[in-house]
Protein backbone atom coordinates (compact mmCIF):
# COMPACT_ATOMS: atom_id res chain seq x y z
CA MET A 1 0.00 0.00 0.00
CA ASP A 2 1.32 3.44 -0.89
CA ASN A 3 0.36 6.97 0.18
CA GLN A 4 -2.17 7.39 -2.63
CA GLN A 5 -4.02 4.21 -1.66
CA LEU A 6 -3.90 5.29 1.99
CA GLN A 7 -5.42 8.66 1.06
CA VAL A 8 -8.31 6.92 -0.74
CA LEU A 9 -8.84 4.59 2.23
CA VAL A 10 -8.95 7.47 4.74
CA GLU A 11 -11.43 9.41 2.58
CA LYS A 12 -13.62 6.30 2.26
CA ILE A 13 -13.59 5.55 6.02
CA SER A 14 -14.37 9.19 6.78
CA LEU A 15 -17.43 9.12 4.52
CA THR A 16 -18.75 5.74 5.65
CA SER A 17 -18.09 5.92 9.40
CA PHE A 18 -18.34 9.66 10.08
CA LYS A 19 -20.54 10.86 7.16
CA LYS A 20 -18.05 13.70 6.68
CA VAL A 21 -15.43 14.55 4.07
CA PHE A 22 -11.71 14.25 4.80
CA ALA A 23 -10.24 17.24 2.94
CA HIS A 24 -6.57 16.99 3.93
CA THR A 25 -3.62 14.65 3.39
CA ALA A 26 -3.03 11.19 4.79
CA SER A 27 0.39 9.58 4.43
CA PHE A 28 2.70 6.95 5.84
CA ASN A 29 5.47 8.20 8.13
CA PRO A 30 8.19 5.59 8.75
CA ARG A 31 9.77 7.78 11.46
CA LEU A 32 6.88 7.09 13.86
CA ARG A 33 8.08 4.70 16.56
CA THR A 34 5.76 4.61 19.56
CA THR A 35 2.38 5.23 17.96
CA GLY A 36 0.20 3.79 15.23
CA GLY A 37 -0.66 7.18 13.82
CA ARG A 38 -1.03 10.86 14.59
CA TYR A 39 -3.21 13.79 13.73
CA LEU A 40 -1.30 17.03 13.14
CA LEU A 41 -3.17 20.00 14.62
CA HIS A 42 -1.61 22.74 12.49
CA THR A 43 -1.87 21.11 9.07
CA HIS A 44 -4.86 18.79 9.80
CA ASN A 45 -2.98 15.95 8.12
CA ILE A 46 -2.93 12.36 9.35
CA GLU A 47 0.22 10.23 9.47
CA ILE A 48 0.16 6.44 9.82
CA ASN A 49 3.00 4.18 10.95
CA PRO A 50 3.71 1.74 8.04
CA LYS A 51 5.02 -0.93 10.45
CA TYR A 52 1.44 -1.57 11.57
CA TYR A 53 0.39 -2.33 8.00
CA ASN A 54 3.37 -4.64 7.52
CA GLU A 55 2.88 -6.56 10.78
CA HIS A 56 -0.87 -6.48 11.44
CA GLY A 57 -2.42 -5.84 8.03
CA ILE A 58 -5.14 -3.60 6.66
CA GLU A 59 -7.67 -4.16 9.47
CA GLU A 60 -5.39 -2.68 12.13
CA VAL A 61 -4.64 0.29 9.86
CA LYS A 62 -8.38 0.88 9.46
CA ARG A 63 -8.77 0.92 13.25
CA ILE A 64 -5.91 3.43 13.58
CA ILE A 65 -7.44 5.61 10.85
CA LYS A 66 -10.77 5.70 12.70
CA HIS A 67 -9.00 6.81 15.87
CA GLU A 68 -7.14 9.60 14.07
CA LEU A 69 -10.29 10.69 12.23
CA CYS A 70 -11.99 11.14 15.61
CA HIS A 71 -9.26 13.67 16.49
CA TYR A 72 -9.58 15.27 13.05
CA HIS A 73 -13.34 15.80 12.89
CA LEU A 74 -13.71 16.92 16.51
CA HIS A 75 -10.85 19.41 16.20
CA LEU A 76 -12.32 20.96 13.06
CA GLU A 77 -15.73 21.23 14.76
CA GLY A 78 -14.22 22.97 17.78
CA LYS A 79 -15.17 20.16 20.17
CA GLY A 80 -13.04 18.21 22.64
CA TYR A 81 -10.57 16.28 20.50
CA LYS A 82 -8.13 15.12 23.22
CA HIS A 83 -8.11 11.60 24.67
CA ARG A 84 -9.54 12.75 28.01
CA ASP A 85 -12.49 14.69 26.52
CA LYS A 86 -16.03 13.33 26.69
CA ASP A 87 -16.73 14.27 23.05
CA PHE A 88 -13.75 12.20 21.94
CA LYS A 89 -14.72 9.17 24.02
CA ASP A 90 -18.32 9.33 22.81
CA LEU A 91 -17.34 9.56 19.14
CA MET A 92 -14.81 6.72 19.48
CA SER A 93 -17.43 4.39 20.92
CA ALA A 94 -19.97 5.45 18.27
CA VAL A 95 -17.68 4.56 15.33
CA GLY A 96 -15.88 1.64 16.97
CA ALA A 97 -12.43 3.22 17.10
CA PRO A 98 -9.91 1.68 19.54
CA ARG A 99 -8.27 3.57 22.40
CA PHE A 100 -4.93 1.82 21.78
CA CYS A 101 -3.46 -0.07 18.86
CA GLN A 102 -1.89 -3.52 19.12
CA PRO A 103 1.77 -3.59 20.13
CA LEU A 104 4.37 -4.09 17.43
CA LEU A 105 6.15 -7.40 17.63
CA SER A 106 9.27 -5.87 16.13
CA SER A 107 9.54 -3.21 18.83
CA LYS A 108 12.61 -3.23 21.03
CA LYS A 109 10.57 -4.37 24.01
CA TYR A 110 9.79 -7.73 22.38
CA SER A 111 12.75 -8.15 20.01
CA ASN A 112 15.24 -9.56 22.54
CA GLY A 113 13.33 -12.80 22.92
CA LYS A 114 15.55 -13.93 25.81
CA ARG A 115 14.07 -14.56 29.23
CA TYR A 116 16.07 -15.04 32.41
CA MET A 117 14.79 -17.11 35.34
CA TYR A 118 16.14 -16.57 38.85
CA GLN A 119 15.28 -18.37 42.08
CA CYS A 120 15.84 -17.46 45.70
CA LEU A 121 18.04 -19.98 47.51
CA ARG A 122 16.29 -19.38 50.85
CA CYS A 123 12.52 -19.25 50.12
CA GLY A 124 12.35 -20.62 46.55
CA GLN A 125 10.63 -17.52 45.06
CA ARG A 126 11.07 -17.47 41.25
CA TYR A 127 11.68 -14.32 39.18
CA ASP A 128 11.16 -14.22 35.41
CA ARG A 129 13.03 -11.31 33.81
CA HIS A 130 13.70 -9.86 30.34
CA ARG A 131 17.03 -8.42 31.47
CA LYS A 132 19.92 -10.00 33.32
CA VAL A 133 20.08 -9.42 37.05
CA ASP A 134 23.36 -8.92 38.90
CA THR A 135 23.01 -11.64 41.55
CA ALA A 136 25.90 -10.18 43.58
CA LYS A 137 24.03 -6.87 43.89
CA TYR A 138 20.33 -7.86 44.09
CA VAL A 139 18.56 -10.11 46.60
CA CYS A 140 15.12 -11.68 46.95
CA GLY A 141 12.37 -9.14 47.51
CA ARG A 142 10.48 -11.45 49.81
CA CYS A 143 13.13 -12.74 52.27
CA LYS A 144 16.38 -10.97 51.26
CA GLY A 145 17.99 -14.30 50.33
CA LYS A 146 20.60 -14.78 47.59
CA LEU A 147 19.44 -15.24 43.99
CA LYS A 148 20.65 -17.96 41.64
CA LYS A 149 20.16 -18.03 37.87
CA VAL A 150 18.05 -21.07 36.99
CA SER A 151 17.83 -20.75 33.18
CA GLU A 152 18.00 -18.40 30.19
């Protein structure tokens, strides 16, 4: 999917779900890292993270577009367009837009893939961690006993 196809999709979703015209630009922005999309207040454009299309497909992109169109239409109407506003929450539930998008599997948080298991030598409490723990520095949170690495 390219920017032109994305533009057509956003215009179509705006007409079908909101019964309003989307008169600005929608495009992919590969520099987005922590969000599925964003609505730009000054230009009224919408940017979508292309990683969501690559990993989750067109359905997730449609959900993100609905969320951003809620910001767009409410802002242009002069109503509450922020996440905490009642107008925004009401419109999101009316059109079926999600509050959050699914997490990216390729994000740094999930890319390591390694898990470290530690166990207390005194009480047997187990700790599952993404990062290594310095067993000489840290102790069990329950009984203050020494930790031992069980597995990676």
